mmCIF file of all heavy atoms, coordinates in Angstrom:
data_MODEL
# 
_entry.id   MODEL 
# 
loop_
_atom_site.group_PDB 
_atom_site.id 
_atom_site.type_symbol 
_atom_site.label_atom_id 
_atom_site.label_alt_id 
_atom_site.label_comp_id 
_atom_site.label_asym_id 
_atom_site.label_entity_id 
_atom_site.label_seq_id 
_atom_site.pdbx_PDB_ins_code 
_atom_site.Cartn_x 
_atom_site.Cartn_y 
_atom_site.Cartn_z 
_atom_site.occupancy 
_atom_site.B_iso_or_equiv 
_atom_site.pdbx_formal_charge 
_atom_site.auth_seq_id 
_atom_site.auth_comp_id 
_atom_site.auth_asym_id 
_atom_site.auth_atom_id 
_atom_site.pdbx_PDB_model_num 
ATOM 1   N N   . CYS A 1 1  ? 0.841  -1.209 0.000   1.00 0.00 ? 1  CYS A N   1 
ATOM 2   C CA  . CYS A 1 1  ? 0.000  0.000  0.000   1.00 0.00 ? 1  CYS A CA  1 
ATOM 3   C C   . CYS A 1 1  ? 0.872  1.253  0.000   1.00 0.00 ? 1  CYS A C   1 
ATOM 4   O O   . CYS A 1 1  ? 0.570  2.237  -0.681  1.00 0.00 ? 1  CYS A O   1 
ATOM 5   C CB  . CYS A 1 1  ? -0.921 -0.007 1.216   1.00 0.00 ? 1  CYS A CB  1 
ATOM 6   S SG  . CYS A 1 1  ? -2.233 -1.242 1.149   1.00 0.00 ? 1  CYS A SG  1 
ATOM 7   N N   . GLY A 1 2  ? 1.953  1.203  0.764   1.00 0.00 ? 2  GLY A N   1 
ATOM 8   C CA  . GLY A 1 2  ? 2.870  2.342  0.811   1.00 0.00 ? 2  GLY A CA  1 
ATOM 9   C C   . GLY A 1 2  ? 3.505  2.620  -0.529  1.00 0.00 ? 2  GLY A C   1 
ATOM 10  O O   . GLY A 1 2  ? 3.640  3.761  -0.957  1.00 0.00 ? 2  GLY A O   1 
ATOM 11  N N   . ARG A 1 3  ? 3.892  1.542  -1.242  1.00 0.00 ? 3  ARG A N   1 
ATOM 12  C CA  . ARG A 1 3  ? 4.490  1.725  -2.569  1.00 0.00 ? 3  ARG A CA  1 
ATOM 13  C C   . ARG A 1 3  ? 3.466  2.245  -3.570  1.00 0.00 ? 3  ARG A C   1 
ATOM 14  O O   . ARG A 1 3  ? 3.792  3.007  -4.480  1.00 0.00 ? 3  ARG A O   1 
ATOM 15  C CB  . ARG A 1 3  ? 5.097  0.414  -3.085  1.00 0.00 ? 3  ARG A CB  1 
ATOM 16  C CG  . ARG A 1 3  ? 6.195  -0.177 -2.233  1.00 0.00 ? 3  ARG A CG  1 
ATOM 17  C CD  . ARG A 1 3  ? 7.069  0.848  -1.539  1.00 0.00 ? 3  ARG A CD  1 
ATOM 18  N NE  . ARG A 1 3  ? 7.884  1.614  -2.481  1.00 0.00 ? 3  ARG A NE  1 
ATOM 19  C CZ  . ARG A 1 3  ? 8.475  2.762  -2.183  1.00 0.00 ? 3  ARG A CZ  1 
ATOM 20  N NH1 . ARG A 1 3  ? 8.321  3.311  -0.987  1.00 0.00 ? 3  ARG A NH1 1 
ATOM 21  N NH2 . ARG A 1 3  ? 9.208  3.386  -3.081  1.00 0.00 ? 3  ARG A NH2 1 
ATOM 22  N N   . PHE A 1 4  ? 2.197  1.835  -3.407  1.00 0.00 ? 4  PHE A N   1 
ATOM 23  C CA  . PHE A 1 4  ? 1.144  2.362  -4.283  1.00 0.00 ? 4  PHE A CA  1 
ATOM 24  C C   . PHE A 1 4  ? 0.954  3.854  -4.042  1.00 0.00 ? 4  PHE A C   1 
ATOM 25  O O   . PHE A 1 4  ? 0.873  4.643  -4.987  1.00 0.00 ? 4  PHE A O   1 
ATOM 26  C CB  . PHE A 1 4  ? -0.183 1.633  -4.043  1.00 0.00 ? 4  PHE A CB  1 
ATOM 27  C CG  . PHE A 1 4  ? -1.327 2.199  -4.847  1.00 0.00 ? 4  PHE A CG  1 
ATOM 28  C CD1 . PHE A 1 4  ? -1.540 1.782  -6.157  1.00 0.00 ? 4  PHE A CD1 1 
ATOM 29  C CD2 . PHE A 1 4  ? -2.172 3.153  -4.298  1.00 0.00 ? 4  PHE A CD2 1 
ATOM 30  C CE1 . PHE A 1 4  ? -2.584 2.309  -6.911  1.00 0.00 ? 4  PHE A CE1 1 
ATOM 31  C CE2 . PHE A 1 4  ? -3.215 3.690  -5.042  1.00 0.00 ? 4  PHE A CE2 1 
ATOM 32  C CZ  . PHE A 1 4  ? -3.421 3.263  -6.352  1.00 0.00 ? 4  PHE A CZ  1 
ATOM 33  N N   . VAL A 1 5  ? 0.873  4.242  -2.771  1.00 0.00 ? 5  VAL A N   1 
ATOM 34  C CA  . VAL A 1 5  ? 0.695  5.656  -2.423  1.00 0.00 ? 5  VAL A CA  1 
ATOM 35  C C   . VAL A 1 5  ? 1.887  6.469  -2.920  1.00 0.00 ? 5  VAL A C   1 
ATOM 36  O O   . VAL A 1 5  ? 1.723  7.574  -3.458  1.00 0.00 ? 5  VAL A O   1 
ATOM 37  C CB  . VAL A 1 5  ? 0.513  5.824  -0.894  1.00 0.00 ? 5  VAL A CB  1 
ATOM 38  C CG1 . VAL A 1 5  ? 0.528  7.289  -0.502  1.00 0.00 ? 5  VAL A CG1 1 
ATOM 39  C CG2 . VAL A 1 5  ? -0.785 5.169  -0.451  1.00 0.00 ? 5  VAL A CG2 1 
ATOM 40  N N   . PHE A 1 6  ? 3.091  5.932  -2.748  1.00 0.00 ? 6  PHE A N   1 
ATOM 41  C CA  . PHE A 1 6  ? 4.292  6.601  -3.220  1.00 0.00 ? 6  PHE A CA  1 
ATOM 42  C C   . PHE A 1 6  ? 4.243  6.782  -4.744  1.00 0.00 ? 6  PHE A C   1 
ATOM 43  O O   . PHE A 1 6  ? 4.527  7.863  -5.269  1.00 0.00 ? 6  PHE A O   1 
ATOM 44  C CB  . PHE A 1 6  ? 5.521  5.780  -2.829  1.00 0.00 ? 6  PHE A CB  1 
ATOM 45  C CG  . PHE A 1 6  ? 6.830  6.374  -3.280  1.00 0.00 ? 6  PHE A CG  1 
ATOM 46  C CD1 . PHE A 1 6  ? 7.517  7.262  -2.473  1.00 0.00 ? 6  PHE A CD1 1 
ATOM 47  C CD2 . PHE A 1 6  ? 7.378  6.054  -4.516  1.00 0.00 ? 6  PHE A CD2 1 
ATOM 48  C CE1 . PHE A 1 6  ? 8.728  7.825  -2.882  1.00 0.00 ? 6  PHE A CE1 1 
ATOM 49  C CE2 . PHE A 1 6  ? 8.580  6.606  -4.946  1.00 0.00 ? 6  PHE A CE2 1 
ATOM 50  C CZ  . PHE A 1 6  ? 9.250  7.496  -4.123  1.00 0.00 ? 6  PHE A CZ  1 
ATOM 51  N N   . GLY A 1 7  ? 3.880  5.720  -5.458  1.00 0.00 ? 7  GLY A N   1 
ATOM 52  C CA  . GLY A 1 7  ? 3.777  5.799  -6.911  1.00 0.00 ? 7  GLY A CA  1 
ATOM 53  C C   . GLY A 1 7  ? 2.692  6.768  -7.351  1.00 0.00 ? 7  GLY A C   1 
ATOM 54  O O   . GLY A 1 7  ? 2.863  7.518  -8.323  1.00 0.00 ? 7  GLY A O   1 
ATOM 55  N N   . PHE A 1 8  ? 1.579  6.767  -6.640  1.00 0.00 ? 8  PHE A N   1 
ATOM 56  C CA  . PHE A 1 8  ? 0.465  7.667  -6.937  1.00 0.00 ? 8  PHE A CA  1 
ATOM 57  C C   . PHE A 1 8  ? 0.920  9.132  -6.858  1.00 0.00 ? 8  PHE A C   1 
ATOM 58  O O   . PHE A 1 8  ? 0.657  9.931  -7.762  1.00 0.00 ? 8  PHE A O   1 
ATOM 59  C CB  . PHE A 1 8  ? -0.665 7.400  -5.949  1.00 0.00 ? 8  PHE A CB  1 
ATOM 60  C CG  . PHE A 1 8  ? -1.836 8.330  -6.086  1.00 0.00 ? 8  PHE A CG  1 
ATOM 61  C CD1 . PHE A 1 8  ? -2.658 8.270  -7.202  1.00 0.00 ? 8  PHE A CD1 1 
ATOM 62  C CD2 . PHE A 1 8  ? -2.117 9.248  -5.093  1.00 0.00 ? 8  PHE A CD2 1 
ATOM 63  C CE1 . PHE A 1 8  ? -3.744 9.131  -7.319  1.00 0.00 ? 8  PHE A CE1 1 
ATOM 64  C CE2 . PHE A 1 8  ? -3.188 10.107 -5.204  1.00 0.00 ? 8  PHE A CE2 1 
ATOM 65  C CZ  . PHE A 1 8  ? -4.017 10.050 -6.322  1.00 0.00 ? 8  PHE A CZ  1 
ATOM 66  N N   . ALA A 1 9  ? 1.604  9.457  -5.765  1.00 0.00 ? 9  ALA A N   1 
ATOM 67  C CA  . ALA A 1 9  ? 2.098  10.826 -5.591  1.00 0.00 ? 9  ALA A CA  1 
ATOM 68  C C   . ALA A 1 9  ? 3.132  11.179 -6.649  1.00 0.00 ? 9  ALA A C   1 
ATOM 69  O O   . ALA A 1 9  ? 3.136  12.287 -7.198  1.00 0.00 ? 9  ALA A O   1 
ATOM 70  C CB  . ALA A 1 9  ? 2.691  10.993 -4.191  1.00 0.00 ? 9  ALA A CB  1 
ATOM 71  N N   . SER A 1 10 ? 4.008  10.227 -6.957  1.00 0.00 ? 10 SER A N   1 
ATOM 72  C CA  . SER A 1 10 ? 5.042  10.468 -7.971  1.00 0.00 ? 10 SER A CA  1 
ATOM 73  C C   . SER A 1 10 ? 4.420  10.740 -9.329  1.00 0.00 ? 10 SER A C   1 
ATOM 74  O O   . SER A 1 10 ? 4.858  11.636 -10.066 1.00 0.00 ? 10 SER A O   1 
ATOM 75  C CB  . SER A 1 10 ? 5.984  9.257  -8.067  1.00 0.00 ? 10 SER A CB  1 
ATOM 76  O OG  . SER A 1 10 ? 6.645  9.030  -6.839  1.00 0.00 ? 10 SER A OG  1 
ATOM 77  N N   . GLY A 1 11 ? 3.383  9.975  -9.677  1.00 0.00 ? 11 GLY A N   1 
ATOM 78  C CA  . GLY A 1 11 ? 2.712  10.168 -10.955 1.00 0.00 ? 11 GLY A CA  1 
ATOM 79  C C   . GLY A 1 11 ? 2.081  11.540 -11.066 1.00 0.00 ? 11 GLY A C   1 
ATOM 80  O O   . GLY A 1 11 ? 2.154  12.194 -12.117 1.00 0.00 ? 11 GLY A O   1 
ATOM 81  N N   . ALA A 1 12 ? 1.444  11.983 -9.981  1.00 0.00 ? 12 ALA A N   1 
ATOM 82  C CA  . ALA A 1 12 ? 0.825  13.308 -9.987  1.00 0.00 ? 12 ALA A CA  1 
ATOM 83  C C   . ALA A 1 12 ? 1.875  14.408 -10.123 1.00 0.00 ? 12 ALA A C   1 
ATOM 84  O O   . ALA A 1 12 ? 1.667  15.393 -10.852 1.00 0.00 ? 12 ALA A O   1 
ATOM 85  C CB  . ALA A 1 12 ? 0.016  13.505 -8.703  1.00 0.00 ? 12 ALA A CB  1 
ATOM 86  N N   . LEU A 1 13 ? 2.997  14.243 -9.449  1.00 0.00 ? 13 LEU A N   1 
ATOM 87  C CA  . LEU A 1 13 ? 4.064  15.245 -9.519  1.00 0.00 ? 13 LEU A CA  1 
ATOM 88  C C   . LEU A 1 13 ? 4.709  15.279 -10.902 1.00 0.00 ? 13 LEU A C   1 
ATOM 89  O O   . LEU A 1 13 ? 5.064  16.350 -11.402 1.00 0.00 ? 13 LEU A O   1 
ATOM 90  C CB  . LEU A 1 13 ? 5.125  14.956 -8.454  1.00 0.00 ? 13 LEU A CB  1 
ATOM 91  C CG  . LEU A 1 13 ? 4.674  15.192 -7.008  1.00 0.00 ? 13 LEU A CG  1 
ATOM 92  C CD1 . LEU A 1 13 ? 5.704  14.657 -6.030  1.00 0.00 ? 13 LEU A CD1 1 
ATOM 93  C CD2 . LEU A 1 13 ? 4.435  16.672 -6.755  1.00 0.00 ? 13 LEU A CD2 1 
ATOM 94  N N   . VAL A 1 14 ? 4.838  14.115 -11.520 1.00 0.00 ? 14 VAL A N   1 
ATOM 95  C CA  . VAL A 1 14 ? 5.397  14.059 -12.872 1.00 0.00 ? 14 VAL A CA  1 
ATOM 96  C C   . VAL A 1 14 ? 4.478  14.774 -13.859 1.00 0.00 ? 14 VAL A C   1 
ATOM 97  O O   . VAL A 1 14 ? 4.943  15.350 -14.851 1.00 0.00 ? 14 VAL A O   1 
ATOM 98  C CB  . VAL A 1 14 ? 5.625  12.590 -13.303 1.00 0.00 ? 14 VAL A CB  1 
ATOM 99  C CG1 . VAL A 1 14 ? 5.905  12.491 -14.794 1.00 0.00 ? 14 VAL A CG1 1 
ATOM 100 C CG2 . VAL A 1 14 ? 6.790  11.995 -12.524 1.00 0.00 ? 14 VAL A CG2 1 
ATOM 101 N N   . ALA A 1 15 ? 3.174  14.762 -13.582 1.00 0.00 ? 15 ALA A N   1 
ATOM 102 C CA  . ALA A 1 15 ? 2.224  15.463 -14.447 1.00 0.00 ? 15 ALA A CA  1 
ATOM 103 C C   . ALA A 1 15 ? 2.251  16.969 -14.205 1.00 0.00 ? 15 ALA A C   1 
ATOM 104 O O   . ALA A 1 15 ? 2.122  17.760 -15.145 1.00 0.00 ? 15 ALA A O   1 
ATOM 105 C CB  . ALA A 1 15 ? 0.810  14.924 -14.217 1.00 0.00 ? 15 ALA A CB  1 
ATOM 106 N N   . ALA A 1 16 ? 2.428  17.367 -12.949 1.00 0.00 ? 16 ALA A N   1 
ATOM 107 C CA  . ALA A 1 16 ? 2.341  18.790 -12.595 1.00 0.00 ? 16 ALA A CA  1 
ATOM 108 C C   . ALA A 1 16 ? 3.623  19.569 -12.869 1.00 0.00 ? 16 ALA A C   1 
ATOM 109 O O   . ALA A 1 16 ? 3.573  20.708 -13.341 1.00 0.00 ? 16 ALA A O   1 
ATOM 110 C CB  . ALA A 1 16 ? 1.970  18.931 -11.114 1.00 0.00 ? 16 ALA A CB  1 
ATOM 111 N N   . THR A 1 17 ? 4.764  18.963 -12.597 1.00 0.00 ? 17 THR A N   1 
ATOM 112 C CA  . THR A 1 17 ? 6.029  19.693 -12.693 1.00 0.00 ? 17 THR A CA  1 
ATOM 113 C C   . THR A 1 17 ? 6.340  20.222 -14.088 1.00 0.00 ? 17 THR A C   1 
ATOM 114 O O   . THR A 1 17 ? 6.671  21.407 -14.247 1.00 0.00 ? 17 THR A O   1 
ATOM 115 C CB  . THR A 1 17 ? 7.188  18.817 -12.182 1.00 0.00 ? 17 THR A CB  1 
ATOM 116 O OG1 . THR A 1 17 ? 6.896  18.369 -10.852 1.00 0.00 ? 17 THR A OG1 1 
ATOM 117 C CG2 . THR A 1 17 ? 8.481  19.602 -12.168 1.00 0.00 ? 17 THR A CG2 1 
ATOM 118 N N   . PRO A 1 18 ? 6.241  19.395 -15.140 1.00 0.00 ? 18 PRO A N   1 
ATOM 119 C CA  . PRO A 1 18 ? 6.515  19.939 -16.475 1.00 0.00 ? 18 PRO A CA  1 
ATOM 120 C C   . PRO A 1 18 ? 5.542  21.050 -16.871 1.00 0.00 ? 18 PRO A C   1 
ATOM 121 O O   . PRO A 1 18 ? 5.909  21.966 -17.609 1.00 0.00 ? 18 PRO A O   1 
ATOM 122 C CB  . PRO A 1 18 ? 6.350  18.720 -17.397 1.00 0.00 ? 18 PRO A CB  1 
ATOM 123 C CG  . PRO A 1 18 ? 6.511  17.543 -16.509 1.00 0.00 ? 18 PRO A CG  1 
ATOM 124 C CD  . PRO A 1 18 ? 5.954  17.963 -15.191 1.00 0.00 ? 18 PRO A CD  1 
ATOM 125 N N   . LYS A 1 19 ? 4.316  20.950 -16.358 1.00 0.00 ? 19 LYS A N   1 
ATOM 126 C CA  . LYS A 1 19 ? 3.314  21.978 -16.652 1.00 0.00 ? 19 LYS A CA  1 
ATOM 127 C C   . LYS A 1 19 ? 3.733  23.316 -16.062 1.00 0.00 ? 19 LYS A C   1 
ATOM 128 O O   . LYS A 1 19 ? 3.627  24.365 -16.716 1.00 0.00 ? 19 LYS A O   1 
ATOM 129 C CB  . LYS A 1 19 ? 1.962  21.545 -16.070 1.00 0.00 ? 19 LYS A CB  1 
ATOM 130 C CG  . LYS A 1 19 ? 0.798  22.417 -16.486 1.00 0.00 ? 19 LYS A CG  1 
ATOM 131 C CD  . LYS A 1 19 ? 0.367  22.136 -17.896 1.00 0.00 ? 19 LYS A CD  1 
ATOM 132 C CE  . LYS A 1 19 ? -0.924 22.849 -18.241 1.00 0.00 ? 19 LYS A CE  1 
ATOM 133 N NZ  . LYS A 1 19 ? -1.302 22.649 -19.668 1.00 0.00 ? 19 LYS A NZ  1 
ATOM 134 N N   . ILE A 1 20 ? 4.226  23.307 -14.843 1.00 0.00 ? 20 ILE A N   1 
ATOM 135 C CA  . ILE A 1 20 ? 4.679  24.533 -14.190 1.00 0.00 ? 20 ILE A CA  1 
ATOM 136 C C   . ILE A 1 20 ? 5.861  25.132 -14.951 1.00 0.00 ? 20 ILE A C   1 
ATOM 137 O O   . ILE A 1 20 ? 5.905  26.340 -15.192 1.00 0.00 ? 20 ILE A O   1 
ATOM 138 C CB  . ILE A 1 20 ? 5.087  24.244 -12.727 1.00 0.00 ? 20 ILE A CB  1 
ATOM 139 C CG1 . ILE A 1 20 ? 3.863  23.839 -11.918 1.00 0.00 ? 20 ILE A CG1 1 
ATOM 140 C CG2 . ILE A 1 20 ? 5.758  25.466 -12.102 1.00 0.00 ? 20 ILE A CG2 1 
ATOM 141 C CD1 . ILE A 1 20 ? 4.182  23.384 -10.506 1.00 0.00 ? 20 ILE A CD1 1 
ATOM 142 N N   . ILE A 1 21 ? 6.793  24.275 -15.333 1.00 0.00 ? 21 ILE A N   1 
ATOM 143 C CA  . ILE A 1 21 ? 7.967  24.756 -16.078 1.00 0.00 ? 21 ILE A CA  1 
ATOM 144 C C   . ILE A 1 21 ? 7.535  25.356 -17.414 1.00 0.00 ? 21 ILE A C   1 
ATOM 145 O O   . ILE A 1 21 ? 7.963  26.453 -17.783 1.00 0.00 ? 21 ILE A O   1 
ATOM 146 C CB  . ILE A 1 21 ? 8.970  23.615 -16.295 1.00 0.00 ? 21 ILE A CB  1 
ATOM 147 C CG1 . ILE A 1 21 ? 9.549  23.148 -14.958 1.00 0.00 ? 21 ILE A CG1 1 
ATOM 148 C CG2 . ILE A 1 21 ? 10.105 24.062 -17.230 1.00 0.00 ? 21 ILE A CG2 1 
ATOM 149 C CD1 . ILE A 1 21 ? 10.400 21.910 -15.049 1.00 0.00 ? 21 ILE A CD1 1 
ATOM 150 N N   . GLY A 1 22 ? 6.680  24.643 -18.127 1.00 0.00 ? 22 GLY A N   1 
ATOM 151 C CA  . GLY A 1 22 ? 6.235  25.105 -19.435 1.00 0.00 ? 22 GLY A CA  1 
ATOM 152 C C   . GLY A 1 22 ? 5.439  26.396 -19.385 1.00 0.00 ? 22 GLY A C   1 
ATOM 153 O O   . GLY A 1 22 ? 5.464  27.186 -20.337 1.00 0.00 ? 22 GLY A O   1 
ATOM 154 N N   . GLU A 1 23 ? 4.729  26.620 -18.278 1.00 0.00 ? 23 GLU A N   1 
ATOM 155 C CA  . GLU A 1 23 ? 3.897  27.814 -18.145 1.00 0.00 ? 23 GLU A CA  1 
ATOM 156 C C   . GLU A 1 23 ? 4.636  28.983 -17.504 1.00 0.00 ? 23 GLU A C   1 
ATOM 157 O O   . GLU A 1 23 ? 4.058  30.044 -17.314 1.00 0.00 ? 23 GLU A O   1 
ATOM 158 C CB  . GLU A 1 23 ? 2.654  27.496 -17.312 1.00 0.00 ? 23 GLU A CB  1 
ATOM 159 C CG  . GLU A 1 23 ? 1.677  26.556 -17.997 1.00 0.00 ? 23 GLU A CG  1 
ATOM 160 C CD  . GLU A 1 23 ? 0.420  26.344 -17.179 1.00 0.00 ? 23 GLU A CD  1 
ATOM 161 O OE1 . GLU A 1 23 ? 0.400  26.777 -16.000 1.00 0.00 ? 23 GLU A OE1 1 
ATOM 162 O OE2 . GLU A 1 23 ? -0.532 25.760 -17.707 1.00 0.00 ? 23 GLU A OE2 1 
ATOM 163 N N   . THR A 1 24 ? 5.882  28.793 -17.165 1.00 0.00 ? 24 THR A N   1 
ATOM 164 C CA  . THR A 1 24 ? 6.634  29.840 -16.471 1.00 0.00 ? 24 THR A CA  1 
ATOM 165 C C   . THR A 1 24 ? 7.901  30.257 -17.219 1.00 0.00 ? 24 THR A C   1 
ATOM 166 O O   . THR A 1 24 ? 8.161  31.450 -17.399 1.00 0.00 ? 24 THR A O   1 
ATOM 167 C CB  . THR A 1 24 ? 7.017  29.376 -15.048 1.00 0.00 ? 24 THR A CB  1 
ATOM 168 O OG1 . THR A 1 24 ? 5.839  29.033 -14.323 1.00 0.00 ? 24 THR A OG1 1 
ATOM 169 C CG2 . THR A 1 24 ? 7.756  30.472 -14.306 1.00 0.00 ? 24 THR A CG2 1 
ATOM 170 N N   . ILE A 1 25 ? 8.696  29.295 -17.644 1.00 0.00 ? 25 ILE A N   1 
ATOM 171 C CA  . ILE A 1 25 ? 9.980  29.593 -18.280 1.00 0.00 ? 25 ILE A CA  1 
ATOM 172 C C   . ILE A 1 25 ? 9.752  30.112 -19.703 1.00 0.00 ? 25 ILE A C   1 
ATOM 173 O O   . ILE A 1 25 ? 9.060  29.475 -20.496 1.00 0.00 ? 25 ILE A O   1 
ATOM 174 C CB  . ILE A 1 25 ? 10.878 28.347 -18.323 1.00 0.00 ? 25 ILE A CB  1 
ATOM 175 C CG1 . ILE A 1 25 ? 11.085 27.797 -16.904 1.00 0.00 ? 25 ILE A CG1 1 
ATOM 176 C CG2 . ILE A 1 25 ? 12.216 28.680 -18.965 1.00 0.00 ? 25 ILE A CG2 1 
ATOM 177 C CD1 . ILE A 1 25 ? 11.736 28.753 -15.956 1.00 0.00 ? 25 ILE A CD1 1 
ATOM 178 N N   . PRO A 1 26 ? 10.322 31.264 -20.053 1.00 0.00 ? 26 PRO A N   1 
ATOM 179 C CA  . PRO A 1 26 ? 10.187 31.796 -21.423 1.00 0.00 ? 26 PRO A CA  1 
ATOM 180 C C   . PRO A 1 26 ? 10.732 30.817 -22.459 1.00 0.00 ? 26 PRO A C   1 
ATOM 181 O O   . PRO A 1 26 ? 11.721 30.118 -22.214 1.00 0.00 ? 26 PRO A O   1 
ATOM 182 C CB  . PRO A 1 26 ? 11.030 33.079 -21.380 1.00 0.00 ? 26 PRO A CB  1 
ATOM 183 C CG  . PRO A 1 26 ? 11.087 33.460 -19.932 1.00 0.00 ? 26 PRO A CG  1 
ATOM 184 C CD  . PRO A 1 26 ? 11.087 32.159 -19.178 1.00 0.00 ? 26 PRO A CD  1 
ATOM 185 N N   . GLY A 1 27 ? 10.068 30.765 -23.606 1.00 0.00 ? 27 GLY A N   1 
ATOM 186 C CA  . GLY A 1 27 ? 10.441 29.812 -24.641 1.00 0.00 ? 27 GLY A CA  1 
ATOM 187 C C   . GLY A 1 27 ? 11.875 29.936 -25.115 1.00 0.00 ? 27 GLY A C   1 
ATOM 188 O O   . GLY A 1 27 ? 12.519 28.934 -25.438 1.00 0.00 ? 27 GLY A O   1 
# 
């Protein structure tokens, strides 16, 4: 269960982080 929760959080962060970079850093 702990590894599932860890993977779940990692997946969400992998989705969010590139979005933040793409919406902030000038092209």
